[in-house]
Amino acid sequence: MRGPAMHTADDATPQELRSASLRLLLWLAALLLVGPAVRALPLGQTTRTGILAWLLVGLALYWMYAGLGYRALLLTQLALFSTSAALLGIKAAFVVLGVQGVDGLREVARGMLLVGGGCAGANLGIMLVASVFRRTRAENSS
């Protein structure tokens, strides 16, 4: 396995952007397969959402490590996914302590997961558009 990425999409060549875009697309496709599997687990809704949140935290960390995207979007994703996982952990702790009526935490956490997923999609889209623009700019300057 290679070491951490030396740079991100901010300073990548068009070829590196296309390669990273493909890898990111494959990861997102794999995530679409994992989501229903987590949903099928015989656990409570908060626990299933918490598992998904922690998977997304790990995935966002890997994306940062591998340099699969723009640093600002990757950091935003990581912050959203981490905060969501923490909120779900707090909600689970409240349930264990017998405190009811904190379902709003789960809804906020789910919203944060959706916004983080939107950031992942935006990251992929921006990388694809940038690879096209950088390629045409490179061809025009030749």
N, C-alpha and C. Protein backbone atom coordinates (compact mmCIF):
# COMPACT_ATOMS: atom_id res chain seq x y z
N MET A 1 0.84 -1.18 0.00
CA MET A 1 0.00 0.00 0.00
C MET A 1 0.88 1.24 0.00
N ARG A 2 0.45 2.23 -0.74
CA ARG A 2 1.21 3.48 -0.82
C ARG A 2 1.07 4.25 0.48
N GLY A 3 1.93 5.26 0.62
CA GLY A 3 1.83 6.16 1.76
C GLY A 3 0.74 7.19 1.52
N PRO A 4 0.63 8.16 2.44
CA PRO A 4 -0.40 9.19 2.26
C PRO A 4 -0.16 9.99 0.99
N ALA A 5 -1.25 10.50 0.43
CA ALA A 5 -1.15 11.29 -0.80
C ALA A 5 -0.34 12.55 -0.53
N MET A 6 0.50 12.89 -1.48
CA MET A 6 1.33 14.07 -1.32
C MET A 6 0.53 15.34 -1.63
N HIS A 7 -0.53 15.20 -2.39
CA HIS A 7 -1.36 16.35 -2.71
C HIS A 7 -2.79 15.88 -2.95
N THR A 8 -3.69 16.82 -3.01
CA THR A 8 -5.10 16.51 -3.25
C THR A 8 -5.48 17.00 -4.63
N ALA A 9 -6.76 17.06 -4.91
CA ALA A 9 -7.24 17.48 -6.22
C ALA A 9 -6.91 18.94 -6.51
N ASP A 10 -6.59 19.70 -5.48
CA ASP A 10 -6.27 21.12 -5.68
C ASP A 10 -5.12 21.32 -6.65
N ASP A 11 -4.12 20.45 -6.59
CA ASP A 11 -2.94 20.63 -7.44
C ASP A 11 -2.64 19.38 -8.29
N ALA A 12 -3.66 18.59 -8.57
CA ALA A 12 -3.47 17.37 -9.35
C ALA A 12 -3.48 17.65 -10.84
N THR A 13 -2.84 16.78 -11.59
CA THR A 13 -2.87 16.86 -13.05
C THR A 13 -4.21 16.31 -13.53
N PRO A 14 -4.57 16.58 -14.79
CA PRO A 14 -5.83 16.03 -15.31
C PRO A 14 -5.90 14.50 -15.21
N GLN A 15 -4.81 13.83 -15.47
CA GLN A 15 -4.77 12.36 -15.36
C GLN A 15 -4.99 11.92 -13.92
N GLU A 16 -4.34 12.58 -12.98
CA GLU A 16 -4.54 12.24 -11.56
C GLU A 16 -5.98 12.51 -11.13
N LEU A 17 -6.57 13.59 -11.64
CA LEU A 17 -7.97 13.90 -11.30
C LEU A 17 -8.91 12.82 -11.83
N ARG A 18 -8.70 12.37 -13.06
CA ARG A 18 -9.55 11.32 -13.62
C ARG A 18 -9.40 10.03 -12.82
N SER A 19 -8.18 9.69 -12.47
CA SER A 19 -7.93 8.48 -11.70
C SER A 19 -8.58 8.57 -10.31
N ALA A 20 -8.40 9.71 -9.65
CA ALA A 20 -9.00 9.89 -8.33
C ALA A 20 -10.52 9.94 -8.42
N SER A 21 -11.06 10.51 -9.48
CA SER A 21 -12.51 10.55 -9.66
C SER A 21 -13.08 9.14 -9.80
N LEU A 22 -12.40 8.31 -10.57
CA LEU A 22 -12.85 6.94 -10.74
C LEU A 22 -12.81 6.19 -9.41
N ARG A 23 -11.73 6.34 -8.67
CA ARG A 23 -11.62 5.67 -7.37
C ARG A 23 -12.70 6.16 -6.41
N LEU A 24 -12.96 7.47 -6.39
CA LEU A 24 -13.98 8.02 -5.52
C LEU A 24 -15.36 7.52 -5.94
N LEU A 25 -15.61 7.43 -7.23
CA LEU A 25 -16.88 6.91 -7.72
C LEU A 25 -17.08 5.46 -7.30
N LEU A 26 -16.03 4.66 -7.37
CA LEU A 26 -16.12 3.26 -6.93
C LEU A 26 -16.41 3.16 -5.44
N TRP A 27 -15.79 4.03 -4.64
CA TRP A 27 -16.06 4.04 -3.20
C TRP A 27 -17.51 4.43 -2.92
N LEU A 28 -18.03 5.43 -3.65
CA LEU A 28 -19.41 5.85 -3.45
C LEU A 28 -20.38 4.74 -3.88
N ALA A 29 -20.05 4.02 -4.95
CA ALA A 29 -20.89 2.90 -5.37
C ALA A 29 -20.88 1.79 -4.32
N ALA A 30 -19.72 1.52 -3.75
CA ALA A 30 -19.63 0.51 -2.69
C ALA A 30 -20.46 0.93 -1.49
N LEU A 31 -20.45 2.22 -1.20
CA LEU A 31 -21.23 2.73 -0.07
C LEU A 31 -22.72 2.54 -0.31
N LEU A 32 -23.16 2.67 -1.56
CA LEU A 32 -24.57 2.45 -1.89
C LEU A 32 -24.97 1.00 -1.68
N LEU A 33 -24.02 0.09 -1.78
CA LEU A 33 -24.29 -1.32 -1.51
C LEU A 33 -24.29 -1.64 -0.02
N VAL A 34 -23.48 -0.92 0.75
CA VAL A 34 -23.37 -1.17 2.18
C VAL A 34 -24.58 -0.61 2.93
N GLY A 35 -25.13 0.52 2.46
CA GLY A 35 -26.26 1.16 3.14
C GLY A 35 -27.43 0.23 3.37
N PRO A 36 -27.93 -0.46 2.35
CA PRO A 36 -29.04 -1.39 2.58
C PRO A 36 -28.67 -2.56 3.49
N ALA A 37 -27.42 -2.99 3.44
CA ALA A 37 -27.00 -4.08 4.33
C ALA A 37 -27.05 -3.65 5.78
N VAL A 38 -26.64 -2.41 6.06
CA VAL A 38 -26.71 -1.89 7.43
C VAL A 38 -28.17 -1.73 7.85
N ARG A 39 -29.00 -1.26 6.92
CA ARG A 39 -30.42 -1.06 7.22
C ARG A 39 -31.11 -2.39 7.55
N ALA A 40 -30.63 -3.50 6.99
CA ALA A 40 -31.24 -4.81 7.21
C ALA A 40 -30.86 -5.43 8.55
N LEU A 41 -29.89 -4.85 9.25
CA LEU A 41 -29.49 -5.40 10.54
C LEU A 41 -30.63 -5.30 11.54
N PRO A 42 -30.79 -6.31 12.39
CA PRO A 42 -31.89 -6.30 13.37
C PRO A 42 -31.56 -5.44 14.60
N LEU A 43 -31.31 -4.17 14.37
CA LEU A 43 -30.96 -3.24 15.45
C LEU A 43 -31.92 -2.07 15.41
N GLY A 44 -31.83 -1.22 16.41
CA GLY A 44 -32.66 -0.02 16.44
C GLY A 44 -32.20 0.99 15.39
N GLN A 45 -33.07 1.94 15.12
CA GLN A 45 -32.78 2.92 14.08
C GLN A 45 -31.55 3.75 14.43
N THR A 46 -31.42 4.16 15.68
CA THR A 46 -30.26 4.96 16.08
C THR A 46 -28.97 4.17 15.95
N THR A 47 -28.99 2.90 16.31
CA THR A 47 -27.79 2.07 16.23
C THR A 47 -27.38 1.87 14.77
N ARG A 48 -28.35 1.61 13.90
CA ARG A 48 -28.03 1.43 12.47
C ARG A 48 -27.47 2.72 11.88
N THR A 49 -28.08 3.84 12.22
CA THR A 49 -27.59 5.12 11.71
C THR A 49 -26.20 5.41 12.28
N GLY A 50 -25.98 5.04 13.54
CA GLY A 50 -24.65 5.22 14.15
C GLY A 50 -23.58 4.40 13.46
N ILE A 51 -23.91 3.16 13.11
CA ILE A 51 -22.95 2.32 12.38
C ILE A 51 -22.61 2.95 11.04
N LEU A 52 -23.63 3.43 10.34
CA LEU A 52 -23.39 4.08 9.05
C LEU A 52 -22.54 5.33 9.23
N ALA A 53 -22.82 6.11 10.29
CA ALA A 53 -22.03 7.33 10.54
C ALA A 53 -20.56 6.99 10.78
N TRP A 54 -20.30 5.96 11.57
CA TRP A 54 -18.90 5.59 11.83
C TRP A 54 -18.22 5.05 10.58
N LEU A 55 -18.96 4.32 9.74
CA LEU A 55 -18.39 3.88 8.46
C LEU A 55 -18.01 5.09 7.60
N LEU A 56 -18.88 6.10 7.60
CA LEU A 56 -18.59 7.30 6.81
C LEU A 56 -17.41 8.09 7.38
N VAL A 57 -17.25 8.09 8.70
CA VAL A 57 -16.08 8.75 9.30
C VAL A 57 -14.80 8.05 8.82
N GLY A 58 -14.80 6.73 8.87
CA GLY A 58 -13.64 5.98 8.40
C GLY A 58 -13.37 6.20 6.93
N LEU A 59 -14.42 6.25 6.14
CA LEU A 59 -14.27 6.48 4.71
C LEU A 59 -13.75 7.87 4.43
N ALA A 60 -14.25 8.88 5.15
CA ALA A 60 -13.76 10.25 4.96
C ALA A 60 -12.29 10.36 5.34
N LEU A 61 -11.90 9.66 6.40
CA LEU A 61 -10.48 9.66 6.78
C LEU A 61 -9.63 9.03 5.68
N TYR A 62 -10.12 7.93 5.10
CA TYR A 62 -9.37 7.29 4.01
C TYR A 62 -9.28 8.23 2.81
N TRP A 63 -10.39 8.88 2.48
CA TRP A 63 -10.37 9.80 1.33
C TRP A 63 -9.35 10.91 1.54
N MET A 64 -9.25 11.40 2.77
CA MET A 64 -8.24 12.43 3.06
C MET A 64 -6.84 11.84 2.92
N TYR A 65 -6.64 10.64 3.46
CA TYR A 65 -5.34 9.98 3.39
C TYR A 65 -4.91 9.74 1.95
N ALA A 66 -5.88 9.32 1.11
CA ALA A 66 -5.57 8.99 -0.28
C ALA A 66 -5.59 10.22 -1.18
N GLY A 67 -6.00 11.35 -0.67
CA GLY A 67 -6.04 12.56 -1.48
C GLY A 67 -7.13 12.53 -2.54
N LEU A 68 -8.27 11.91 -2.22
CA LEU A 68 -9.35 11.77 -3.19
C LEU A 68 -10.32 12.95 -3.11
N GLY A 69 -9.86 14.10 -3.50
CA GLY A 69 -10.76 15.24 -3.53
C GLY A 69 -10.10 16.53 -3.08
N TYR A 70 -10.95 17.52 -2.91
CA TYR A 70 -10.50 18.84 -2.48
C TYR A 70 -10.49 18.89 -0.96
N ARG A 71 -9.40 19.39 -0.43
CA ARG A 71 -9.18 19.36 1.02
C ARG A 71 -10.32 20.02 1.80
N ALA A 72 -10.82 21.17 1.34
CA ALA A 72 -11.88 21.86 2.08
C ALA A 72 -13.15 21.00 2.15
N LEU A 73 -13.52 20.38 1.04
CA LEU A 73 -14.71 19.52 1.05
C LEU A 73 -14.47 18.26 1.89
N LEU A 74 -13.28 17.70 1.81
CA LEU A 74 -12.98 16.52 2.61
C LEU A 74 -13.03 16.82 4.10
N LEU A 75 -12.51 17.98 4.50
CA LEU A 75 -12.57 18.37 5.91
C LEU A 75 -14.00 18.63 6.35
N THR A 76 -14.80 19.24 5.47
CA THR A 76 -16.21 19.47 5.79
C THR A 76 -16.94 18.14 5.98
N GLN A 77 -16.72 17.20 5.06
CA GLN A 77 -17.31 15.88 5.20
C GLN A 77 -16.92 15.23 6.51
N LEU A 78 -15.64 15.25 6.81
CA LEU A 78 -15.16 14.62 8.03
C LEU A 78 -15.79 15.25 9.26
N ALA A 79 -15.90 16.58 9.28
CA ALA A 79 -16.52 17.26 10.41
C ALA A 79 -17.99 16.88 10.53
N LEU A 80 -18.71 16.86 9.41
CA LEU A 80 -20.13 16.50 9.45
C LEU A 80 -20.34 15.06 9.90
N PHE A 81 -19.58 14.13 9.34
CA PHE A 81 -19.74 12.73 9.70
C PHE A 81 -19.35 12.48 11.15
N SER A 82 -18.26 13.11 11.62
CA SER A 82 -17.82 12.94 13.00
C SER A 82 -18.84 13.51 13.98
N THR A 83 -19.36 14.68 13.68
CA THR A 83 -20.36 15.28 14.56
C THR A 83 -21.62 14.44 14.60
N SER A 84 -22.00 13.91 13.46
CA SER A 84 -23.17 13.04 13.39
C SER A 84 -22.97 11.79 14.24
N ALA A 85 -21.80 11.17 14.12
CA ALA A 85 -21.52 9.97 14.92
C ALA A 85 -21.52 10.30 16.41
N ALA A 86 -20.98 11.46 16.77
CA ALA A 86 -20.98 11.86 18.18
C ALA A 86 -22.41 12.09 18.69
N LEU A 87 -23.24 12.76 17.90
CA LEU A 87 -24.63 12.99 18.31
C LEU A 87 -25.39 11.68 18.49
N LEU A 88 -25.14 10.73 17.60
CA LEU A 88 -25.80 9.43 17.73
C LEU A 88 -25.30 8.67 18.96
N GLY A 89 -24.02 8.82 19.27
CA GLY A 89 -23.50 8.21 20.50
C GLY A 89 -24.12 8.83 21.74
N ILE A 90 -24.30 10.14 21.72
CA ILE A 90 -24.94 10.83 22.85
C ILE A 90 -26.38 10.38 22.99
N LYS A 91 -27.08 10.25 21.87
CA LYS A 91 -28.47 9.80 21.93
C LYS A 91 -28.55 8.38 22.49
N ALA A 92 -27.65 7.51 22.05
CA ALA A 92 -27.63 6.14 22.57
C ALA A 92 -27.35 6.13 24.08
N ALA A 93 -26.45 7.00 24.52
CA ALA A 93 -26.16 7.09 25.96
C ALA A 93 -27.39 7.57 26.73
N PHE A 94 -28.11 8.53 26.19
CA PHE A 94 -29.35 8.99 26.83
C PHE A 94 -30.37 7.87 26.94
N VAL A 95 -30.49 7.06 25.91
CA VAL A 95 -31.44 5.95 25.93
C VAL A 95 -31.03 4.94 27.00
N VAL A 96 -29.74 4.65 27.09
CA VAL A 96 -29.25 3.72 28.11
C VAL A 96 -29.54 4.26 29.51
N LEU A 97 -29.41 5.57 29.69
CA LEU A 97 -29.68 6.19 30.99
C LEU A 97 -31.17 6.34 31.26
N GLY A 98 -32.01 6.03 30.29
CA GLY A 98 -33.44 6.10 30.48
C GLY A 98 -34.06 7.45 30.14
N VAL A 99 -33.29 8.33 29.54
CA VAL A 99 -33.81 9.64 29.14
C VAL A 99 -34.51 9.48 27.79
N GLN A 100 -35.78 9.83 27.76
CA GLN A 100 -36.56 9.72 26.53
C GLN A 100 -36.78 11.11 25.93
N GLY A 101 -37.23 11.13 24.71
CA GLY A 101 -37.58 12.40 24.08
C GLY A 101 -36.41 13.14 23.45
N VAL A 102 -35.34 12.44 23.10
CA VAL A 102 -34.21 13.09 22.44
C VAL A 102 -34.07 12.60 20.99
N ASP A 103 -35.23 12.31 20.38
CA ASP A 103 -35.21 11.85 18.99
C ASP A 103 -34.71 12.93 18.05
N GLY A 104 -34.76 14.18 18.47
CA GLY A 104 -34.26 15.27 17.63
C GLY A 104 -32.78 15.13 17.33
N LEU A 105 -32.02 14.53 18.25
CA LEU A 105 -30.59 14.32 18.01
C LEU A 105 -30.38 13.41 16.81
N ARG A 106 -31.18 12.34 16.72
CA ARG A 106 -31.04 11.42 15.60
C ARG A 106 -31.39 12.12 14.28
N GLU A 107 -32.43 12.95 14.31
CA GLU A 107 -32.84 13.64 13.08
C GLU A 107 -31.77 14.63 12.63
N VAL A 108 -31.18 15.35 13.57
CA VAL A 108 -30.09 16.29 13.23
C VAL A 108 -28.90 15.51 12.67
N ALA A 109 -28.58 14.37 13.30
CA ALA A 109 -27.45 13.56 12.85
C ALA A 109 -27.71 13.02 11.44
N ARG A 110 -28.92 12.58 11.17
CA ARG A 110 -29.24 12.09 9.82
C ARG A 110 -29.13 13.20 8.79
N GLY A 111 -29.58 14.38 9.16
CA GLY A 111 -29.44 15.53 8.25
C GLY A 111 -27.99 15.84 7.95
N MET A 112 -27.15 15.75 8.99
CA MET A 112 -25.72 16.00 8.79
C MET A 112 -25.10 14.93 7.88
N LEU A 113 -25.55 13.69 8.01
CA LEU A 113 -25.06 12.63 7.13
C LEU A 113 -25.44 12.91 5.68
N LEU A 114 -26.67 13.40 5.48
CA LEU A 114 -27.10 13.73 4.12
C LEU A 114 -26.30 14.89 3.54
N VAL A 115 -26.05 15.91 4.34
CA VAL A 115 -25.26 17.05 3.86
C VAL A 115 -23.82 16.59 3.55
N GLY A 116 -23.26 15.74 4.41
CA GLY A 116 -21.92 15.20 4.14
C GLY A 116 -21.89 14.37 2.87
N GLY A 117 -22.94 13.58 2.63
CA GLY A 117 -23.04 12.83 1.38
C GLY A 117 -23.12 13.76 0.18
N GLY A 118 -23.84 14.87 0.35
CA GLY A 118 -23.89 15.88 -0.72
C GLY A 118 -22.52 16.46 -1.00
N CYS A 119 -21.74 16.67 0.06
CA CYS A 119 -20.36 17.15 -0.12
C CYS A 119 -19.52 16.14 -0.89
N ALA A 120 -19.74 14.85 -0.62
CA ALA A 120 -19.00 13.81 -1.36
C ALA A 120 -19.37 13.85 -2.83
N GLY A 121 -20.66 13.98 -3.12
CA GLY A 121 -21.10 14.08 -4.51
C GLY A 121 -20.56 15.33 -5.19
N ALA A 122 -20.58 16.45 -4.46
CA ALA A 122 -20.04 17.70 -5.01
C ALA A 122 -18.54 17.56 -5.28
N ASN A 123 -17.85 16.91 -4.38
CA ASN A 123 -16.42 16.68 -4.54
C ASN A 123 -16.15 15.92 -5.84
N LEU A 124 -16.91 14.86 -6.06
CA LEU A 124 -16.75 14.06 -7.27
C LEU A 124 -17.07 14.89 -8.51
N GLY A 125 -18.17 15.62 -8.47
CA GLY A 125 -18.55 16.44 -9.62
C GLY A 125 -17.52 17.50 -9.95
N ILE A 126 -17.03 18.18 -8.94
CA ILE A 126 -16.03 19.22 -9.16
C ILE A 126 -14.74 18.63 -9.71
N MET A 127 -14.36 17.44 -9.23
CA MET A 127 -13.16 16.79 -9.74
C MET A 127 -13.31 16.44 -11.22
N LEU A 128 -14.49 15.94 -11.61
CA LEU A 128 -14.71 15.60 -13.02
C LEU A 128 -14.68 16.84 -13.90
N VAL A 129 -15.35 17.90 -13.46
CA VAL A 129 -15.36 19.15 -14.24
C VAL A 129 -13.95 19.73 -14.32
N ALA A 130 -13.22 19.71 -13.22
CA ALA A 130 -11.86 20.26 -13.21
C ALA A 130 -10.94 19.47 -14.12
N SER A 131 -11.12 18.15 -14.19
CA SER A 131 -10.25 17.35 -15.06
C SER A 131 -10.48 17.73 -16.53
N VAL A 132 -11.73 17.99 -16.89
CA VAL A 132 -12.02 18.40 -18.27
C VAL A 132 -11.42 19.77 -18.56
N PHE A 133 -11.63 20.73 -17.64
CA PHE A 133 -11.10 22.08 -17.86
C PHE A 133 -9.58 22.09 -17.88
N ARG A 134 -8.95 21.34 -17.00
CA ARG A 134 -7.48 21.31 -16.98
C ARG A 134 -6.92 20.65 -18.22
N ARG A 135 -7.62 19.63 -18.73
CA ARG A 135 -7.16 18.96 -19.94
C ARG A 135 -7.27 19.89 -21.13
N THR A 136 -8.40 20.59 -21.27
CA THR A 136 -8.55 21.52 -22.40
C THR A 136 -7.58 22.69 -22.28
N ARG A 137 -7.33 23.15 -21.08
CA ARG A 137 -6.37 24.24 -20.89
C ARG A 137 -4.97 23.77 -21.25
N ALA A 138 -4.63 22.52 -20.90
CA ALA A 138 -3.31 21.98 -21.23
C ALA A 138 -3.17 21.80 -22.74
N GLU A 139 -4.25 21.39 -23.40
CA GLU A 139 -4.19 21.22 -24.85
C GLU A 139 -4.08 22.57 -25.55
N ASN A 140 -4.74 23.59 -25.04
CA ASN A 140 -4.68 24.91 -25.65
C ASN A 140 -3.32 25.59 -25.46
N SER A 141 -2.64 25.28 -24.39
CA SER A 141 -1.35 25.92 -24.16
C SER A 141 -0.22 25.19 -24.88
N SER A 142 -0.50 24.00 -25.44
CA SER A 142 0.52 23.25 -26.18
C SER A 142 0.71 23.79 -27.57
